[in-house]
PDB file of N, CA and C in Angstrom:
ATOM      1  N   MET A   1     -94.680  57.877  50.542  1.00  0.00           N
ATOM      2  CA  MET A   1     -94.688  56.850  50.000  1.00  0.00           C
ATOM      3  C   MET A   1     -92.819  56.365  49.713  1.00  0.00           C
ATOM      4  N   PHE A   2     -92.212  57.515  49.745  1.00  0.00           N
ATOM      5  CA  PHE A   2     -90.989  57.655  49.471  1.00  0.00           C
ATOM      6  C   PHE A   2     -90.136  57.038  50.735  1.00  0.00           C
ATOM      7  N   THR A   3     -90.909  57.339  52.143  1.00  0.00           N
ATOM      8  CA  THR A   3     -90.306  57.198  53.470  1.00  0.00           C
ATOM      9  C   THR A   3     -90.541  55.622  53.777  1.00  0.00           C
ATOM     10  N   PHE A   4     -91.885  55.418  53.311  1.00  0.00           N
ATOM     11  CA  PHE A   4     -92.135  53.759  53.331  1.00  0.00           C
ATOM     12  C   PHE A   4     -91.477  53.088  52.861  1.00  0.00           C
ATOM     13  N   GLY A   5     -90.874  53.160  51.580  1.00  0.00           N
ATOM     14  CA  GLY A   5     -90.084  52.475  50.782  1.00  0.00           C
ATOM     15  C   GLY A   5     -88.365  52.237  51.563  1.00  0.00           C
ATOM     16  N   LEU A   6     -88.117  53.427  52.175  1.00  0.00           N
ATOM     17  CA  LEU A   6     -86.511  53.160  52.761  1.00  0.00           C
ATOM     18  C   LEU A   6     -87.018  52.435  54.334  1.00  0.00           C
ATOM     19  N   LYS A   7     -88.083  52.395  54.866  1.00  0.00           N
ATOM     20  CA  LYS A   7     -88.418  51.902  56.271  1.00  0.00           C
ATOM     21  C   LYS A   7     -88.173  50.368  55.837  1.00  0.00           C
ATOM     22  N   ARG A   8     -89.322  50.139  54.501  1.00  0.00           N
ATOM     23  CA  ARG A   8     -89.216  48.942  54.361  1.00  0.00           C
ATOM     24  C   ARG A   8     -87.721  48.235  54.188  1.00  0.00           C
ATOM     25  N   THR A   9     -86.859  49.130  53.496  1.00  0.00           N
ATOM     26  CA  THR A   9     -85.599  48.431  53.139  1.00  0.00           C
ATOM     27  C   THR A   9     -84.890  48.667  54.056  1.00  0.00           C
ATOM     28  N   TYR A  10     -84.975  49.385  55.245  1.00  0.00           N
ATOM     29  CA  TYR A  10     -84.032  49.590  56.567  1.00  0.00           C
ATOM     30  C   TYR A  10     -84.435  48.281  57.221  1.00  0.00           C
ATOM     31  N   LEU A  11     -85.712  47.635  57.396  1.00  0.00           N
ATOM     32  CA  LEU A  11     -86.147  46.568  57.824  1.00  0.00           C
ATOM     33  C   LEU A  11     -85.469  45.161  57.519  1.00  0.00           C
ATOM     34  N   GLN A  12     -85.955  44.928  55.936  1.00  0.00           N
ATOM     35  CA  GLN A  12     -85.258  44.015  55.321  1.00  0.00           C
ATOM     36  C   GLN A  12     -83.561  43.952  55.759  1.00  0.00           C
ATOM     37  N   LEU A  13     -82.873  45.033  55.278  1.00  0.00           N
ATOM     38  CA  LEU A  13     -81.452  45.072  55.660  1.00  0.00           C
ATOM     39  C   LEU A  13     -81.209  44.901  57.132  1.00  0.00           C
ATOM     40  N   ASN A  14     -82.059  45.135  57.813  1.00  0.00           N
ATOM     41  CA  ASN A  14     -81.763  44.793  59.599  1.00  0.00           C
ATOM     42  C   ASN A  14     -81.949  43.335  59.755  1.00  0.00           C
ATOM     43  N   LYS A  15     -83.035  42.799  59.248  1.00  0.00           N
ATOM     44  CA  LYS A  15     -83.427  41.161  59.106  1.00  0.00           C
ATOM     45  C   LYS A  15     -81.890  40.314  58.840  1.00  0.00           C
ATOM     46  N   LEU A  16     -81.262  40.945  57.783  1.00  0.00           N
ATOM     47  CA  LEU A  16     -80.356  40.197  57.141  1.00  0.00           C
ATOM     48  C   LEU A  16     -79.109  40.373  57.734  1.00  0.00           C
ATOM     49  N   LYS A  17     -78.628  41.603  58.359  1.00  0.00           N
ATOM     50  CA  LYS A  17     -77.828  41.970  59.031  1.00  0.00           C
ATOM     51  C   LYS A  17     -77.934  40.771  60.371  1.00  0.00           C
ATOM     52  N   ASN A  18     -78.828  40.689  60.902  1.00  0.00           N
ATOM     53  CA  ASN A  18     -79.105  39.888  62.168  1.00  0.00           C
ATOM     54  C   ASN A  18     -78.872  38.313  62.045  1.00  0.00           C
ATOM     55  N   PHE A  19     -79.332  37.853  60.789  1.00  0.00           N
ATOM     56  CA  PHE A  19     -79.186  36.482  60.085  1.00  0.00           C
ATOM     57  C   PHE A  19     -77.727  36.360  60.388  1.00  0.00           C
ATOM     58  N   ARG A  20     -77.021  37.027  59.701  1.00  0.00           N
ATOM     59  CA  ARG A  20     -75.772  37.290  59.524  1.00  0.00           C
ATOM     60  C   ARG A  20     -74.807  37.287  60.720  1.00  0.00           C
ATOM     61  N   ASN A  21     -75.065  37.800  61.761  1.00  0.00           N
ATOM     62  CA  ASN A  21     -74.590  38.006  63.131  1.00  0.00           C
ATOM     63  C   ASN A  21     -74.411  36.534  63.665  1.00  0.00           C
ATOM     64  N   HIS A  22     -75.429  35.852  63.529  1.00  0.00           N
ATOM     65  CA  HIS A  22     -75.376  34.394  64.345  1.00  0.00           C
ATOM     66  C   HIS A  22     -74.633  33.601  63.201  1.00  0.00           C
ATOM     67  N   SER A  23     -73.708  33.058  63.876  1.00  0.00           N
ATOM     68  CA  SER A  23     -72.861  31.860  63.268  1.00  0.00           C
ATOM     69  C   SER A  23     -73.457  30.531  62.677  1.00  0.00           C
ATOM     70  N   SER A  24     -73.074  29.749  62.086  1.00  0.00           N
ATOM     71  CA  SER A  24     -73.797  28.638  61.890  1.00  0.00           C
ATOM     72  C   SER A  24     -73.844  27.777  62.827  1.00  0.00           C
ATOM     73  N   VAL A  25     -72.889  27.524  63.896  1.00  0.00           N
ATOM     74  CA  VAL A  25     -72.431  26.960  65.125  1.00  0.00           C
ATOM     75  C   VAL A  25     -73.710  27.379  65.931  1.00  0.00           C
ATOM     76  N   SER A  26     -74.036  28.674  66.147  1.00  0.00           N
ATOM     77  CA  SER A  26     -74.813  29.399  66.954  1.00  0.00           C
ATOM     78  C   SER A  26     -76.584  28.810  66.574  1.00  0.00           C
ATOM     79  N   ARG A  27     -76.507  28.888  65.076  1.00  0.00           N
ATOM     80  CA  ARG A  27     -77.880  28.454  64.562  1.00  0.00           C
ATOM     81  C   ARG A  27     -78.177  26.795  64.823  1.00  0.00           C
ATOM     82  N   GLY A  28     -77.106  26.123  64.751  1.00  0.00           N
ATOM     83  CA  GLY A  28     -77.021  24.480  64.936  1.00  0.00           C
ATOM     84  C   GLY A  28     -77.363  24.619  66.371  1.00  0.00           C
ATOM     85  N   VAL A  29     -77.091  25.169  67.198  1.00  0.00           N
ATOM     86  CA  VAL A  29     -77.010  24.892  68.713  1.00  0.00           C
ATOM     87  C   VAL A  29     -78.544  25.267  69.150  1.00  0.00           C
ATOM     88  N   GLN A  30     -79.186  26.336  68.314  1.00  0.00           N
ATOM     89  CA  GLN A  30     -80.557  26.974  68.575  1.00  0.00           C
ATOM     90  C   GLN A  30     -81.806  25.749  68.012  1.00  0.00           C
ATOM     91  N   VAL A  31     -81.432  25.303  67.095  1.00  0.00           N
ATOM     92  CA  VAL A  31     -81.918  24.006  66.414  1.00  0.00           C
ATOM     93  C   VAL A  31     -82.222  22.592  67.319  1.00  0.00           C
ATOM     94  N   PHE A  32     -80.687  22.389  67.891  1.00  0.00           N
ATOM     95  CA  PHE A  32     -80.711  21.286  68.521  1.00  0.00           C
ATOM     96  C   PHE A  32     -81.039  21.556  70.232  1.00  0.00           C
ATOM     97  N   VAL A  33     -81.167  22.896  70.825  1.00  0.00           N
ATOM     98  CA  VAL A  33     -82.116  22.732  71.677  1.00  0.00           C
ATOM     99  C   VAL A  33     -83.344  22.857  71.233  1.00  0.00           C
ATOM    100  N   LYS A  34     -84.115  23.141  70.907  1.00  0.00           N
ATOM    101  CA  LYS A  34     -85.531  23.541  70.295  1.00  0.00           C
ATOM    102  C   LYS A  34     -86.304  21.963  69.985  1.00  0.00           C
ATOM    103  N   LYS A  35     -85.236  21.239  69.469  1.00  0.00           N
ATOM    104  CA  LYS A  35     -85.543  19.870  68.906  1.00  0.00           C
ATOM    105  C   LYS A  35     -85.519  18.808  70.165  1.00  0.00           C
ATOM    106  N   ASN A  36     -84.455  19.230  71.151  1.00  0.00           N
ATOM    107  CA  ASN A  36     -83.931  18.129  72.169  1.00  0.00           C
ATOM    108  C   ASN A  36     -84.085  18.900  73.480  1.00  0.00           C
ATOM    109  N   LEU A  37     -85.483  19.103  73.864  1.00  0.00           N
ATOM    110  CA  LEU A  37     -85.341  19.849  75.103  1.00  0.00           C
ATOM    111  C   LEU A  37     -85.355  19.201  76.560  1.00  0.00           C
ATOM    112  N   LEU A  38     -85.889  18.018  76.347  1.00  0.00           N
ATOM    113  CA  LEU A  38     -85.763  17.388  77.694  1.00  0.00           C
ATOM    114  C   LEU A  38     -83.929  17.202  77.972  1.00  0.00           C
ATOM    115  N   LEU A  39     -83.552  16.625  76.877  1.00  0.00           N
ATOM    116  CA  LEU A  39     -81.864  16.418  77.179  1.00  0.00           C
ATOM    117  C   LEU A  39     -81.233  17.828  77.148  1.00  0.00           C
ATOM    118  N   THR A  40     -81.273  18.756  76.795  1.00  0.00           N
ATOM    119  CA  THR A  40     -80.749  20.129  76.860  1.00  0.00           C
ATOM    120  C   THR A  40     -81.175  20.672  78.573  1.00  0.00           C
ATOM    121  N   ASN A  41     -82.260  20.341  78.632  1.00  0.00           N
ATOM    122  CA  ASN A  41     -82.913  20.574  80.081  1.00  0.00           C
ATOM    123  C   ASN A  41     -82.128  19.456  81.298  1.00  0.00           C
ATOM    124  N   SER A  42     -82.249  18.424  81.060  1.00  0.00           N
ATOM    125  CA  SER A  42     -81.471  17.685  81.727  1.00  0.00           C
ATOM    126  C   SER A  42     -79.914  17.808  82.123  1.00  0.00           C
ATOM    127  N   ILE A  43     -79.353  18.376  81.087  1.00  0.00           N
ATOM    128  CA  ILE A  43     -77.843  18.614  81.180  1.00  0.00           C
ATOM    129  C   ILE A  43     -77.704  19.927  81.968  1.00  0.00           C
ATOM    130  N   THR A  44     -78.506  20.743  81.415  1.00  0.00           N
ATOM    131  CA  THR A  44     -78.440  22.152  82.389  1.00  0.00           C
ATOM    132  C   THR A  44     -78.509  21.753  83.908  1.00  0.00           C
ATOM    133  N   SER A  45     -79.416  20.874  83.906  1.00  0.00           N
ATOM    134  CA  SER A  45     -79.700  20.897  85.435  1.00  0.00           C
ATOM    135  C   SER A  45     -78.691  20.119  85.987  1.00  0.00           C
ATOM    136  N   GLY A  46     -78.080  19.195  85.575  1.00  0.00           N
ATOM    137  CA  GLY A  46     -76.911  18.458  85.833  1.00  0.00           C
ATOM    138  C   GLY A  46     -75.815  19.549  86.342  1.00  0.00           C
ATOM    139  N   ALA A  47     -75.221  20.564  85.343  1.00  0.00           N
ATOM    140  CA  ALA A  47     -74.528  21.517  85.654  1.00  0.00           C
ATOM    141  C   ALA A  47     -74.888  22.168  86.685  1.00  0.00           C
ATOM    142  N   PHE A  48     -75.951  22.635  86.876  1.00  0.00           N
ATOM    143  CA  PHE A  48     -76.090  23.548  88.012  1.00  0.00           C
ATOM    144  C   PHE A  48     -75.972  23.084  89.273  1.00  0.00           C
ATOM    145  N   MET A  49     -76.425  21.396  89.376  1.00  0.00           N
ATOM    146  CA  MET A  49     -76.478  20.948  90.585  1.00  0.00           C
ATOM    147  C   MET A  49     -74.855  20.476  91.132  1.00  0.00           C
ATOM    148  N   ALA A  50     -73.974  19.779  89.935  1.00  0.00           N
ATOM    149  CA  ALA A  50     -72.695  20.022  90.275  1.00  0.00           C
ATOM    150  C   ALA A  50     -72.077  21.417  90.467  1.00  0.00           C
ATOM    151  N   LEU A  51     -72.311  22.644  90.027  1.00  0.00           N
ATOM    152  CA  LEU A  51     -72.085  23.797  90.377  1.00  0.00           C
ATOM    153  C   LEU A  51     -72.253  23.986  91.682  1.00  0.00           C
ATOM    154  N   GLY A  52     -73.433  23.711  92.228  1.00  0.00           N
ATOM    155  CA  GLY A  52     -74.021  24.226  93.630  1.00  0.00           C
ATOM    156  C   GLY A  52     -73.171  23.243  94.703  1.00  0.00           C
ATOM    157  N   ASP A  53     -72.986  21.953  94.412  1.00  0.00           N
ATOM    158  CA  ASP A  53     -71.980  21.153  95.253  1.00  0.00           C
ATOM    159  C   ASP A  53     -71.051  21.744  95.360  1.00  0.00           C
ATOM    160  N   LEU A  54     -70.255  22.265  94.203  1.00  0.00           N
ATOM    161  CA  LEU A  54     -68.739  22.830  94.815  1.00  0.00           C
ATOM    162  C   LEU A  54     -68.915  23.892  95.162  1.00  0.00           C
ATOM    163  N   VAL A  55     -69.775  24.571  95.026  1.00  0.00           N
ATOM    164  CA  VAL A  55     -69.928  26.101  96.001  1.00  0.00           C
ATOM    165  C   VAL A  55     -70.073  25.250  97.639  1.00  0.00           C
ATOM    166  N   GLU A  56     -70.939  24.526  97.755  1.00  0.00           N
ATOM    167  CA  GLU A  56     -71.085  23.846  98.983  1.00  0.00           C
ATOM    168  C   GLU A  56     -69.774  23.167  99.524  1.00  0.00           C
ATOM    169  N   GLN A  57     -69.044  22.574  98.631  1.00  0.00           N
ATOM    170  CA  GLN A  57     -67.986  22.207  99.287  1.00  0.00           C
ATOM    171  C   GLN A  57     -66.975  22.797  99.509  1.00  0.00           C
ATOM    172  N   GLU A  58     -66.851  23.757  98.747  1.00  0.00           N
ATOM    173  CA  GLU A  58     -65.999  25.328  99.022  1.00  0.00           C
ATOM    174  C   GLU A  58     -66.427  26.159 100.173  1.00  0.00           C
ATOM    175  N   VAL A  59     -67.412  25.956 100.995  1.00  0.00           N
ATOM    176  CA  VAL A  59     -68.017  26.837 102.295  1.00  0.00           C
ATOM    177  C   VAL A  59     -67.391  25.478 102.975  1.00  0.00           C
ATOM    178  N   GLU A  60     -67.672  24.367 103.009  1.00  0.00           N
ATOM    179  CA  GLU A  60     -67.452  23.347 103.848  1.00  0.00           C
ATOM    180  C   GLU A  60     -65.771  23.279 104.142  1.00  0.00           C
ATOM    181  N   ILE A  61     -64.773  23.461 103.086  1.00  0.00           N
ATOM    182  CA  ILE A  61     -63.549  23.687 103.400  1.00  0.00           C
ATOM    183  C   ILE A  61     -62.923  24.898 103.811  1.00  0.00           C
ATOM    184  N   ARG A  62     -63.802  26.115 103.801  1.00  0.00           N
ATOM    185  CA  ARG A  62     -63.329  27.186 104.389  1.00  0.00           C
ATOM    186  C   ARG A  62     -63.832  27.226 105.721  1.00  0.00           C
ATOM    187  N   ARG A  63     -64.857  26.700 106.120  1.00  0.00           N
ATOM    188  CA  ARG A  63     -65.200  26.342 107.607  1.00  0.00           C
ATOM    189  C   ARG A  63     -64.403  25.593 108.471  1.00  0.00           C
ATOM    190  N   GLY A  64     -63.702  24.993 107.758  1.00  0.00           N
ATOM    191  CA  GLY A  64     -62.859  23.550 108.312  1.00  0.00           C
ATOM    192  C   GLY A  64     -63.260  22.085 108.608  1.00  0.00           C
ATOM    193  N   LEU A  65     -64.533  22.083 107.845  1.00  0.00           N
ATOM    194  CA  LEU A  65     -65.121  20.893 107.828  1.00  0.00           C
ATOM    195  C   LEU A  65     -64.369  19.518 107.039  1.00  0.00           C
ATOM    196  N   THR A  66     -64.044  20.026 105.802  1.00  0.00           N
ATOM    197  CA  THR A  66     -63.422  19.196 105.183  1.00  0.00           C
ATOM    198  C   THR A  66     -62.204  19.842 104.758  1.00  0.00           C
ATOM    199  N   THR A  67     -61.202  18.978 104.462  1.00  0.00           N
ATOM    200  CA  THR A  67     -59.539  19.386 103.947  1.00  0.00           C
ATOM    201  C   THR A  67     -59.634  19.575 102.090  1.00  0.00           C
ATOM    202  N   ALA A  68     -60.392  18.935 101.686  1.00  0.00           N
ATOM    203  CA  ALA A  68     -60.055  19.117 100.102  1.00  0.00           C
ATOM    204  C   ALA A  68     -61.522  18.667  99.526  1.00  0.00           C
ATOM    205  N   TYR A  69     -61.792  18.960  98.251  1.00  0.00           N
ATOM    206  CA  TYR A  69     -62.717  18.499  97.388  1.00  0.00           C
ATOM    207  C   TYR A  69     -63.260  17.068  97.304  1.00  0.00           C
ATOM    208  N   ASP A  70     -64.370  16.528  97.392  1.00  0.00           N
ATOM    209  CA  ASP A  70     -65.004  15.161  97.274  1.00  0.00           C
ATOM    210  C   ASP A  70     -65.108  15.268  95.661  1.00  0.00           C
ATOM    211  N   TRP A  71     -64.468  14.883  95.132  1.00  0.00           N
ATOM    212  CA  TRP A  71     -64.756  14.634  93.530  1.00  0.00           C
ATOM    213  C   TRP A  71     -65.953  13.617  93.351  1.00  0.00           C
ATOM    214  N   THR A  72     -66.134  12.456  93.949  1.00  0.00           N
ATOM    215  CA  THR A  72     -66.863  11.551  93.468  1.00  0.00           C
ATOM    216  C   THR A  72     -68.339  11.863  94.019  1.00  0.00           C
ATOM    217  N   ARG A  73     -68.345  12.694  95.271  1.00  0.00           N
ATOM    218  CA  ARG A  73     -69.614  13.275  95.562  1.00  0.00           C
ATOM    219  C   ARG A  73     -70.361  13.975  94.588  1.00  0.00           C
ATOM    220  N   ILE A  74     -69.535  14.995  93.425  1.00  0.00           N
ATOM    221  CA  ILE A  74     -69.821  15.902  92.506  1.00  0.00           C
ATOM    222  C   ILE A  74     -70.600  15.156  91.243  1.00  0.00           C
ATOM    223  N   GLY A  75     -69.632  13.734  90.997  1.00  0.00           N
ATOM    224  CA  GLY A  75     -70.201  13.089  89.988  1.00  0.00           C
ATOM    225  C   GLY A  75     -71.329  12.051  90.235  1.00  0.00           C
TER     226      GLY A  75
END
């Protein structure tokens, strides 16, 4: 019985510790992501597409096909 009480107390303290580890900004972002899933997925997708295009342009520059980044192509 005593060990059960200690285990339960430990679990409660662990939950409190995990809650305190997350900042209010982190919790706010988590709530925003859950409520606005389409918007966050669209932003993430756009960021990955822009990153992929930057990588492709870097490959083209190193192969000598172009001389500089085309910033209008990314946006």
